[in-house]
Amino acid sequence: MSPYREKIILAYKHLLEVHEELLTRIINVAMTGELAEVNEVFEPGDQFSFEKEMFRTTEDRNVKKLLAFHDRLEELMNSLANINNITEDELEAEGEQED
């Protein structure tokens, strides 16, 4: 793999991390704001799988803006993956070091 391609793959891997972290932050903002009452139902140790779509009906401007940014990030990631034909094998490859 060329050094250029390695850097593209590393950049994409970083975007994946940002994508996941941003979704976590969206959930946290929503659950401490508009959905605080729902949050109180959960006990420590409870597990629930949140989906981004659950927050689409929010009235919280901050959550709306974060969702819009998350959507744009997904568009960018899809474009990079398509343009560069990034494969799952490349994303799962170990041993690559970032400068």
PDB file of N, CA and C in Angstrom:
ATOM      1  N   MET A   1       0.850  -1.174   0.000  1.00  0.00           N
ATOM      2  CA  MET A   1       0.000   0.000   0.000  1.00  0.00           C
ATOM      3  C   MET A   1       0.899   1.241   0.000  1.00  0.00           C
ATOM      4  N   SER A   2       0.525   2.206  -0.799  1.00  0.00           N
ATOM      5  CA  SER A   2       1.320   3.435  -0.884  1.00  0.00           C
ATOM      6  C   SER A   2       1.178   4.257   0.402  1.00  0.00           C
ATOM      7  N   PRO A   3       2.191   5.073   0.699  1.00  0.00           N
ATOM      8  CA  PRO A   3       2.093   5.943   1.883  1.00  0.00           C
ATOM      9  C   PRO A   3       0.864   6.854   1.830  1.00  0.00           C
ATOM     10  N   TYR A   4       0.521   7.335   0.637  1.00  0.00           N
ATOM     11  CA  TYR A   4      -0.657   8.199   0.489  1.00  0.00           C
ATOM     12  C   TYR A   4      -1.928   7.447   0.893  1.00  0.00           C
ATOM     13  N   ARG A   5      -2.073   6.226   0.383  1.00  0.00           N
ATOM     14  CA  ARG A   5      -3.259   5.430   0.717  1.00  0.00           C
ATOM     15  C   ARG A   5      -3.309   5.125   2.212  1.00  0.00           C
ATOM     16  N   GLU A   6      -2.160   4.839   2.788  1.00  0.00           N
ATOM     17  CA  GLU A   6      -2.105   4.584   4.231  1.00  0.00           C
ATOM     18  C   GLU A   6      -2.639   5.783   5.003  1.00  0.00           C
ATOM     19  N   LYS A   7      -2.259   6.977   4.572  1.00  0.00           N
ATOM     20  CA  LYS A   7      -2.726   8.195   5.260  1.00  0.00           C
ATOM     21  C   LYS A   7      -4.236   8.401   5.074  1.00  0.00           C
ATOM     22  N   ILE A   8      -4.736   8.073   3.900  1.00  0.00           N
ATOM     23  CA  ILE A   8      -6.188   8.170   3.666  1.00  0.00           C
ATOM     24  C   ILE A   8      -6.922   7.205   4.601  1.00  0.00           C
ATOM     25  N   ILE A   9      -6.412   5.982   4.698  1.00  0.00           N
ATOM     26  CA  ILE A   9      -7.035   4.980   5.573  1.00  0.00           C
ATOM     27  C   ILE A   9      -6.967   5.435   7.028  1.00  0.00           C
ATOM     28  N   LEU A  10      -5.831   5.954   7.453  1.00  0.00           N
ATOM     29  CA  LEU A  10      -5.695   6.452   8.826  1.00  0.00           C
ATOM     30  C   LEU A  10      -6.641   7.617   9.094  1.00  0.00           C
ATOM     31  N   ALA A  11      -6.772   8.509   8.126  1.00  0.00           N
ATOM     32  CA  ALA A  11      -7.706   9.635   8.282  1.00  0.00           C
ATOM     33  C   ALA A  11      -9.132   9.124   8.414  1.00  0.00           C
ATOM     34  N   TYR A  12      -9.481   8.138   7.607  1.00  0.00           N
ATOM     35  CA  TYR A  12     -10.830   7.574   7.657  1.00  0.00           C
ATOM     36  C   TYR A  12     -11.071   6.896   9.006  1.00  0.00           C
ATOM     37  N   LYS A  13     -10.075   6.165   9.493  1.00  0.00           N
ATOM     38  CA  LYS A  13     -10.210   5.525  10.809  1.00  0.00           C
ATOM     39  C   LYS A  13     -10.441   6.574  11.893  1.00  0.00           C
ATOM     40  N   HIS A  14      -9.751   7.688  11.795  1.00  0.00           N
ATOM     41  CA  HIS A  14      -9.949   8.760  12.771  1.00  0.00           C
ATOM     42  C   HIS A  14     -11.372   9.322  12.672  1.00  0.00           C
ATOM     43  N   LEU A  15     -11.851   9.497  11.453  1.00  0.00           N
ATOM     44  CA  LEU A  15     -13.224   9.982  11.272  1.00  0.00           C
ATOM     45  C   LEU A  15     -14.232   9.004  11.879  1.00  0.00           C
ATOM     46  N   LEU A  16     -13.957   7.718  11.792  1.00  0.00           N
ATOM     47  CA  LEU A  16     -14.836   6.723  12.421  1.00  0.00           C
ATOM     48  C   LEU A  16     -14.903   6.930  13.934  1.00  0.00           C
ATOM     49  N   GLU A  17     -13.760   7.215  14.536  1.00  0.00           N
ATOM     50  CA  GLU A  17     -13.724   7.476  15.975  1.00  0.00           C
ATOM     51  C   GLU A  17     -14.500   8.736  16.322  1.00  0.00           C
ATOM     52  N   VAL A  18     -14.301   9.784  15.530  1.00  0.00           N
ATOM     53  CA  VAL A  18     -15.016  11.044  15.756  1.00  0.00           C
ATOM     54  C   VAL A  18     -16.518  10.829  15.590  1.00  0.00           C
ATOM     55  N   HIS A  19     -16.896  10.076  14.587  1.00  0.00           N
ATOM     56  CA  HIS A  19     -18.297   9.765  14.303  1.00  0.00           C
ATOM     57  C   HIS A  19     -18.953   9.115  15.514  1.00  0.00           C
ATOM     58  N   GLU A  20     -18.286   8.131  16.071  1.00  0.00           N
ATOM     59  CA  GLU A  20     -18.820   7.419  17.232  1.00  0.00           C
ATOM     60  C   GLU A  20     -18.885   8.318  18.461  1.00  0.00           C
ATOM     61  N   GLU A  21     -17.832   9.070  18.697  1.00  0.00           N
ATOM     62  CA  GLU A  21     -17.789   9.962  19.852  1.00  0.00           C
ATOM     63  C   GLU A  21     -18.846  11.063  19.740  1.00  0.00           C
ATOM     64  N   LEU A  22     -19.045  11.596  18.550  1.00  0.00           N
ATOM     65  CA  LEU A  22     -20.046  12.636  18.355  1.00  0.00           C
ATOM     66  C   LEU A  22     -21.448  12.103  18.644  1.00  0.00           C
ATOM     67  N   LEU A  23     -21.735  10.889  18.210  1.00  0.00           N
ATOM     68  CA  LEU A  23     -23.048  10.307  18.504  1.00  0.00           C
ATOM     69  C   LEU A  23     -23.231  10.159  20.013  1.00  0.00           C
ATOM     70  N   THR A  24     -22.190   9.743  20.709  1.00  0.00           N
ATOM     71  CA  THR A  24     -22.260   9.637  22.174  1.00  0.00           C
ATOM     72  C   THR A  24     -22.565  10.993  22.788  1.00  0.00           C
ATOM     73  N   ARG A  25     -21.920  12.029  22.295  1.00  0.00           N
ATOM     74  CA  ARG A  25     -22.147  13.386  22.819  1.00  0.00           C
ATOM     75  C   ARG A  25     -23.557  13.876  22.521  1.00  0.00           C
ATOM     76  N   ILE A  26     -24.076  13.545  21.351  1.00  0.00           N
ATOM     77  CA  ILE A  26     -25.456  13.912  21.008  1.00  0.00           C
ATOM     78  C   ILE A  26     -26.408  13.274  22.003  1.00  0.00           C
ATOM     79  N   ILE A  27     -26.216  12.006  22.269  1.00  0.00           N
ATOM     80  CA  ILE A  27     -27.069  11.289  23.223  1.00  0.00           C
ATOM     81  C   ILE A  27     -26.961  11.919  24.604  1.00  0.00           C
ATOM     82  N   ASN A  28     -25.741  12.214  25.036  1.00  0.00           N
ATOM     83  CA  ASN A  28     -25.548  12.809  26.362  1.00  0.00           C
ATOM     84  C   ASN A  28     -26.224  14.170  26.489  1.00  0.00           C
ATOM     85  N   VAL A  29     -26.096  14.995  25.465  1.00  0.00           N
ATOM     86  CA  VAL A  29     -26.732  16.318  25.498  1.00  0.00           C
ATOM     87  C   VAL A  29     -28.249  16.163  25.567  1.00  0.00           C
ATOM     88  N   ALA A  30     -28.793  15.312  24.736  1.00  0.00           N
ATOM     89  CA  ALA A  30     -30.248  15.118  24.710  1.00  0.00           C
ATOM     90  C   ALA A  30     -30.759  14.557  26.031  1.00  0.00           C
ATOM     91  N   MET A  31     -30.026  13.597  26.585  1.00  0.00           N
ATOM     92  CA  MET A  31     -30.496  12.928  27.801  1.00  0.00           C
ATOM     93  C   MET A  31     -30.334  13.778  29.057  1.00  0.00           C
ATOM     94  N   THR A  32     -29.537  14.821  28.993  1.00  0.00           N
ATOM     95  CA  THR A  32     -29.439  15.725  30.141  1.00  0.00           C
ATOM     96  C   THR A  32     -30.236  16.998  29.919  1.00  0.00           C
ATOM     97  N   GLY A  33     -30.761  17.156  28.722  1.00  0.00           N
ATOM     98  CA  GLY A  33     -31.578  18.327  28.396  1.00  0.00           C
ATOM     99  C   GLY A  33     -33.027  17.937  28.239  1.00  0.00           C
ATOM    100  N   GLU A  34     -33.480  17.971  27.008  1.00  0.00           N
ATOM    101  CA  GLU A  34     -34.882  17.728  26.683  1.00  0.00           C
ATOM    102  C   GLU A  34     -35.391  16.364  27.167  1.00  0.00           C
ATOM    103  N   LEU A  35     -34.520  15.373  27.210  1.00  0.00           N
ATOM    104  CA  LEU A  35     -34.943  14.023  27.599  1.00  0.00           C
ATOM    105  C   LEU A  35     -34.497  13.648  29.014  1.00  0.00           C
ATOM    106  N   ALA A  36     -34.276  14.642  29.858  1.00  0.00           N
ATOM    107  CA  ALA A  36     -33.802  14.387  31.217  1.00  0.00           C
ATOM    108  C   ALA A  36     -34.754  13.489  31.997  1.00  0.00           C
ATOM    109  N   GLU A  37     -36.059  13.645  31.784  1.00  0.00           N
ATOM    110  CA  GLU A  37     -37.032  12.808  32.493  1.00  0.00           C
ATOM    111  C   GLU A  37     -36.903  11.345  32.090  1.00  0.00           C
ATOM    112  N   VAL A  38     -36.646  11.096  30.815  1.00  0.00           N
ATOM    113  CA  VAL A  38     -36.437   9.733  30.343  1.00  0.00           C
ATOM    114  C   VAL A  38     -35.171   9.168  30.960  1.00  0.00           C
ATOM    115  N   ASN A  39     -34.147   9.999  31.055  1.00  0.00           N
ATOM    116  CA  ASN A  39     -32.868   9.570  31.606  1.00  0.00           C
ATOM    117  C   ASN A  39     -33.011   9.085  33.050  1.00  0.00           C
ATOM    118  N   GLU A  40     -33.933   9.684  33.796  1.00  0.00           N
ATOM    119  CA  GLU A  40     -34.128   9.317  35.193  1.00  0.00           C
ATOM    120  C   GLU A  40     -34.664   7.903  35.359  1.00  0.00           C
ATOM    121  N   VAL A  41     -35.261   7.338  34.323  1.00  0.00           N
ATOM    122  CA  VAL A  41     -35.816   5.988  34.372  1.00  0.00           C
ATOM    123  C   VAL A  41     -34.702   4.937  34.413  1.00  0.00           C
ATOM    124  N   PHE A  42     -33.570   5.271  33.825  1.00  0.00           N
ATOM    125  CA  PHE A  42     -32.463   4.316  33.762  1.00  0.00           C
ATOM    126  C   PHE A  42     -31.761   4.208  35.105  1.00  0.00           C
ATOM    127  N   GLU A  43     -31.412   2.980  35.452  1.00  0.00           N
ATOM    128  CA  GLU A  43     -30.653   2.696  36.669  1.00  0.00           C
ATOM    129  C   GLU A  43     -29.179   2.504  36.283  1.00  0.00           C
ATOM    130  N   PRO A  44     -28.255   2.727  37.228  1.00  0.00           N
ATOM    131  CA  PRO A  44     -26.847   2.444  36.930  1.00  0.00           C
ATOM    132  C   PRO A  44     -26.689   0.994  36.455  1.00  0.00           C
ATOM    133  N   GLY A  45     -25.958   0.840  35.371  1.00  0.00           N
ATOM    134  CA  GLY A  45     -25.740  -0.496  34.812  1.00  0.00           C
ATOM    135  C   GLY A  45     -26.737  -0.884  33.735  1.00  0.00           C
ATOM    136  N   ASP A  46     -27.843  -0.135  33.615  1.00  0.00           N
ATOM    137  CA  ASP A  46     -28.803  -0.421  32.544  1.00  0.00           C
ATOM    138  C   ASP A  46     -28.135  -0.206  31.196  1.00  0.00           C
ATOM    139  N   GLN A  47     -28.552  -1.008  30.233  1.00  0.00           N
ATOM    140  CA  GLN A  47     -28.038  -0.855  28.884  1.00  0.00           C
ATOM    141  C   GLN A  47     -29.192  -0.630  27.928  1.00  0.00           C
ATOM    142  N   PHE A  48     -28.957   0.273  26.984  1.00  0.00           N
ATOM    143  CA  PHE A  48     -29.952   0.576  25.968  1.00  0.00           C
ATOM    144  C   PHE A  48     -29.212   1.003  24.718  1.00  0.00           C
ATOM    145  N   SER A  49     -29.641   0.527  23.578  1.00  0.00           N
ATOM    146  CA  SER A  49     -29.007   0.911  22.314  1.00  0.00           C
ATOM    147  C   SER A  49     -29.762   2.088  21.705  1.00  0.00           C
ATOM    148  N   PHE A  50     -29.114   3.230  21.692  1.00  0.00           N
ATOM    149  CA  PHE A  50     -29.700   4.425  21.102  1.00  0.00           C
ATOM    150  C   PHE A  50     -29.373   4.474  19.618  1.00  0.00           C
ATOM    151  N   GLU A  51     -30.305   4.955  18.853  1.00  0.00           N
ATOM    152  CA  GLU A  51     -30.108   5.198  17.431  1.00  0.00           C
ATOM    153  C   GLU A  51     -30.265   6.694  17.199  1.00  0.00           C
ATOM    154  N   LYS A  52     -29.480   7.206  16.293  1.00  0.00           N
ATOM    155  CA  LYS A  52     -29.523   8.638  15.999  1.00  0.00           C
ATOM    156  C   LYS A  52     -30.933   9.098  15.633  1.00  0.00           C
ATOM    157  N   GLU A  53     -31.652   8.258  14.936  1.00  0.00           N
ATOM    158  CA  GLU A  53     -32.990   8.629  14.481  1.00  0.00           C
ATOM    159  C   GLU A  53     -33.940   8.928  15.645  1.00  0.00           C
ATOM    160  N   MET A  54     -33.664   8.392  16.815  1.00  0.00           N
ATOM    161  CA  MET A  54     -34.503   8.637  17.997  1.00  0.00           C
ATOM    162  C   MET A  54     -34.517  10.114  18.395  1.00  0.00           C
ATOM    163  N   PHE A  55     -33.524  10.850  17.948  1.00  0.00           N
ATOM    164  CA  PHE A  55     -33.388  12.241  18.369  1.00  0.00           C
ATOM    165  C   PHE A  55     -33.817  13.233  17.287  1.00  0.00           C
ATOM    166  N   ARG A  56     -34.316  12.745  16.176  1.00  0.00           N
ATOM    167  CA  ARG A  56     -34.702  13.609  15.046  1.00  0.00           C
ATOM    168  C   ARG A  56     -35.864  14.546  15.372  1.00  0.00           C
ATOM    169  N   THR A  57     -36.711  14.173  16.312  1.00  0.00           N
ATOM    170  CA  THR A  57     -37.880  15.001  16.624  1.00  0.00           C
ATOM    171  C   THR A  57     -37.618  16.019  17.732  1.00  0.00           C
ATOM    172  N   THR A  58     -36.385  16.124  18.146  1.00  0.00           N
ATOM    173  CA  THR A  58     -36.050  17.041  19.241  1.00  0.00           C
ATOM    174  C   THR A  58     -36.365  18.496  18.883  1.00  0.00           C
ATOM    175  N   GLU A  59     -36.639  19.268  19.898  1.00  0.00           N
ATOM    176  CA  GLU A  59     -36.808  20.706  19.741  1.00  0.00           C
ATOM    177  C   GLU A  59     -35.543  21.439  20.165  1.00  0.00           C
ATOM    178  N   ASP A  60     -34.578  20.714  20.715  1.00  0.00           N
ATOM    179  CA  ASP A  60     -33.332  21.292  21.210  1.00  0.00           C
ATOM    180  C   ASP A  60     -32.460  21.716  20.025  1.00  0.00           C
ATOM    181  N   ARG A  61     -32.206  23.003  19.913  1.00  0.00           N
ATOM    182  CA  ARG A  61     -31.415  23.526  18.787  1.00  0.00           C
ATOM    183  C   ARG A  61     -30.007  22.960  18.769  1.00  0.00           C
ATOM    184  N   ASN A  62     -29.433  22.767  19.940  1.00  0.00           N
ATOM    185  CA  ASN A  62     -28.076  22.241  20.000  1.00  0.00           C
ATOM    186  C   ASN A  62     -28.024  20.802  19.490  1.00  0.00           C
ATOM    187  N   VAL A  63     -28.979  20.002  19.894  1.00  0.00           N
ATOM    188  CA  VAL A  63     -29.032  18.616  19.417  1.00  0.00           C
ATOM    189  C   VAL A  63     -29.265  18.599  17.913  1.00  0.00           C
ATOM    190  N   LYS A  64     -30.132  19.473  17.425  1.00  0.00           N
ATOM    191  CA  LYS A  64     -30.381  19.553  15.976  1.00  0.00           C
ATOM    192  C   LYS A  64     -29.099  19.887  15.213  1.00  0.00           C
ATOM    193  N   LYS A  65     -28.336  20.846  15.725  1.00  0.00           N
ATOM    194  CA  LYS A  65     -27.088  21.237  15.062  1.00  0.00           C
ATOM    195  C   LYS A  65     -26.067  20.109  15.095  1.00  0.00           C
ATOM    196  N   LEU A  66     -25.961  19.434  16.233  1.00  0.00           N
ATOM    197  CA  LEU A  66     -25.042  18.310  16.326  1.00  0.00           C
ATOM    198  C   LEU A  66     -25.451  17.179  15.386  1.00  0.00           C
ATOM    199  N   LEU A  67     -26.756  16.921  15.280  1.00  0.00           N
ATOM    200  CA  LEU A  67     -27.246  15.898  14.344  1.00  0.00           C
ATOM    201  C   LEU A  67     -26.922  16.275  12.899  1.00  0.00           C
ATOM    202  N   ALA A  68     -27.088  17.537  12.570  1.00  0.00           N
ATOM    203  CA  ALA A  68     -26.789  17.994  11.214  1.00  0.00           C
ATOM    204  C   ALA A  68     -25.298  17.815  10.907  1.00  0.00           C
ATOM    205  N   PHE A  69     -24.459  18.131  11.873  1.00  0.00           N
ATOM    206  CA  PHE A  69     -23.020  17.941  11.688  1.00  0.00           C
ATOM    207  C   PHE A  69     -22.691  16.454  11.538  1.00  0.00           C
ATOM    208  N   HIS A  70     -23.324  15.627  12.342  1.00  0.00           N
ATOM    209  CA  HIS A  70     -23.115  14.172  12.257  1.00  0.00           C
ATOM    210  C   HIS A  70     -23.522  13.661  10.875  1.00  0.00           C
ATOM    211  N   ASP A  71     -24.623  14.173  10.356  1.00  0.00           N
ATOM    212  CA  ASP A  71     -25.065  13.786   9.004  1.00  0.00           C
ATOM    213  C   ASP A  71     -24.033  14.188   7.952  1.00  0.00           C
ATOM    214  N   ARG A  72     -23.510  15.413   8.065  1.00  0.00           N
ATOM    215  CA  ARG A  72     -22.498  15.878   7.103  1.00  0.00           C
ATOM    216  C   ARG A  72     -21.223  15.052   7.208  1.00  0.00           C
ATOM    217  N   LEU A  73     -20.870  14.686   8.427  1.00  0.00           N
ATOM    218  CA  LEU A  73     -19.699  13.838   8.627  1.00  0.00           C
ATOM    219  C   LEU A  73     -19.895  12.487   7.944  1.00  0.00           C
ATOM    220  N   GLU A  74     -21.089  11.915   8.066  1.00  0.00           N
ATOM    221  CA  GLU A  74     -21.383  10.648   7.388  1.00  0.00           C
ATOM    222  C   GLU A  74     -21.278  10.793   5.869  1.00  0.00           C
ATOM    223  N   GLU A  75     -21.762  11.898   5.349  1.00  0.00           N
ATOM    224  CA  GLU A  75     -21.659  12.142   3.902  1.00  0.00           C
ATOM    225  C   GLU A  75     -20.198  12.198   3.464  1.00  0.00           C
ATOM    226  N   LEU A  76     -19.381  12.898   4.229  1.00  0.00           N
ATOM    227  CA  LEU A  76     -17.953  12.990   3.928  1.00  0.00           C
ATOM    228  C   LEU A  76     -17.307  11.602   3.970  1.00  0.00           C
ATOM    229  N   MET A  77     -17.624  10.851   5.004  1.00  0.00           N
ATOM    230  CA  MET A  77     -17.038   9.521   5.148  1.00  0.00           C
ATOM    231  C   MET A  77     -17.462   8.600   4.007  1.00  0.00           C
ATOM    232  N   ASN A  78     -18.727   8.660   3.640  1.00  0.00           N
ATOM    233  CA  ASN A  78     -19.198   7.843   2.520  1.00  0.00           C
ATOM    234  C   ASN A  78     -18.500   8.232   1.229  1.00  0.00           C
ATOM    235  N   SER A  79     -18.313   9.528   1.029  1.00  0.00           N
ATOM    236  CA  SER A  79     -17.637  10.001  -0.172  1.00  0.00           C
ATOM    237  C   SER A  79     -16.186   9.517  -0.207  1.00  0.00           C
ATOM    238  N   LEU A  80     -15.474   9.664   0.907  1.00  0.00           N
ATOM    239  CA  LEU A  80     -14.091   9.195   0.969  1.00  0.00           C
ATOM    240  C   LEU A  80     -14.001   7.693   0.728  1.00  0.00           C
ATOM    241  N   ALA A  81     -14.903   6.943   1.331  1.00  0.00           N
ATOM    242  CA  ALA A  81     -14.895   5.489   1.164  1.00  0.00           C
ATOM    243  C   ALA A  81     -15.141   5.115  -0.292  1.00  0.00           C
ATOM    244  N   ASN A  82     -16.063   5.812  -0.940  1.00  0.00           N
ATOM    245  CA  ASN A  82     -16.377   5.515  -2.339  1.00  0.00           C
ATOM    246  C   ASN A  82     -15.263   5.946  -3.284  1.00  0.00           C
ATOM    247  N   ILE A  83     -14.768   7.152  -3.122  1.00  0.00           N
ATOM    248  CA  ILE A  83     -13.713   7.678  -3.996  1.00  0.00           C
ATOM    249  C   ILE A  83     -12.461   6.800  -3.932  1.00  0.00           C
ATOM    250  N   ASN A  84     -12.144   6.345  -2.717  1.00  0.00           N
ATOM    251  CA  ASN A  84     -10.904   5.609  -2.502  1.00  0.00           C
ATOM    252  C   ASN A  84     -11.091   4.099  -2.415  1.00  0.00           C
ATOM    253  N   ASN A  85     -12.340   3.657  -2.601  1.00  0.00           N
ATOM    254  CA  ASN A  85     -12.641   2.224  -2.543  1.00  0.00           C
ATOM    255  C   ASN A  85     -12.035   1.585  -1.289  1.00  0.00           C
ATOM    256  N   ILE A  86     -12.308   2.191  -0.140  1.00  0.00           N
ATOM    257  CA  ILE A  86     -11.785   1.704   1.131  1.00  0.00           C
ATOM    258  C   ILE A  86     -12.535   0.431   1.503  1.00  0.00           C
ATOM    259  N   THR A  87     -11.776  -0.601   1.841  1.00  0.00           N
ATOM    260  CA  THR A  87     -12.383  -1.896   2.168  1.00  0.00           C
ATOM    261  C   THR A  87     -12.401  -2.122   3.677  1.00  0.00           C
ATOM    262  N   GLU A  88     -13.266  -3.022   4.100  1.00  0.00           N
ATOM    263  CA  GLU A  88     -13.323  -3.407   5.517  1.00  0.00           C
ATOM    264  C   GLU A  88     -11.983  -3.994   5.963  1.00  0.00           C
ATOM    265  N   ASP A  89     -11.364  -4.778   5.096  1.00  0.00           N
ATOM    266  CA  ASP A  89     -10.065  -5.374   5.428  1.00  0.00           C
ATOM    267  C   ASP A  89      -9.028  -4.299   5.740  1.00  0.00           C
ATOM    268  N   GLU A  90      -9.037  -3.226   4.967  1.00  0.00           N
ATOM    269  CA  GLU A  90      -8.086  -2.136   5.206  1.00  0.00           C
ATOM    270  C   GLU A  90      -8.385  -1.445   6.532  1.00  0.00           C
ATOM    271  N   LEU A  91      -9.645  -1.304   6.859  1.00  0.00           N
ATOM    272  CA  LEU A  91     -10.017  -0.630   8.101  1.00  0.00           C
ATOM    273  C   LEU A  91      -9.702  -1.499   9.320  1.00  0.00           C
ATOM    274  N   GLU A  92      -9.734  -2.800   9.129  1.00  0.00           N
ATOM    275  CA  GLU A  92      -9.465  -3.720  10.232  1.00  0.00           C
ATOM    276  C   GLU A  92      -7.986  -4.057  10.381  1.00  0.00           C
ATOM    277  N   ALA A  93      -7.185  -3.660   9.406  1.00  0.00           N
ATOM    278  CA  ALA A  93      -5.751  -3.977   9.429  1.00  0.00           C
ATOM    279  C   ALA A  93      -5.089  -3.358  10.659  1.00  0.00           C
ATOM    280  N   GLU A  94      -4.231  -4.128  11.291  1.00  0.00           N
ATOM    281  CA  GLU A  94      -3.493  -3.675  12.471  1.00  0.00           C
ATOM    282  C   GLU A  94      -2.084  -3.263  12.070  1.00  0.00           C
ATOM    283  N   GLY A  95      -1.419  -2.602  12.966  1.00  0.00           N
ATOM    284  CA  GLY A  95      -0.007  -2.324  12.790  1.00  0.00           C
ATOM    285  C   GLY A  95       0.312  -1.030  12.069  1.00  0.00           C
ATOM    286  N   GLU A  96      -0.669  -0.316  11.624  1.00  0.00           N
ATOM    287  CA  GLU A  96      -0.394   0.946  10.945  1.00  0.00           C
ATOM    288  C   GLU A  96      -0.215   2.033  11.988  1.00  0.00           C
ATOM    289  N   GLN A  97       0.821   2.795  11.820  1.00  0.00           N
ATOM    290  CA  GLN A  97       1.143   3.856  12.761  1.00  0.00           C
ATOM    291  C   GLN A  97       0.888   5.207  12.119  1.00  0.00           C
ATOM    292  N   GLU A  98       0.320   6.103  12.892  1.00  0.00           N
ATOM    293  CA  GLU A  98       0.090   7.457  12.389  1.00  0.00           C
ATOM    294  C   GLU A  98       1.273   8.325  12.774  1.00  0.00           C
ATOM    295  N   ASP A  99       1.689   9.171  11.865  1.00  0.00           N
ATOM    296  CA  ASP A  99       2.819  10.101  12.153  1.00  0.00           C
ATOM    297  C   ASP A  99       2.407  11.169  13.099  1.00  0.00           C
TER     298      ASP A  99
END
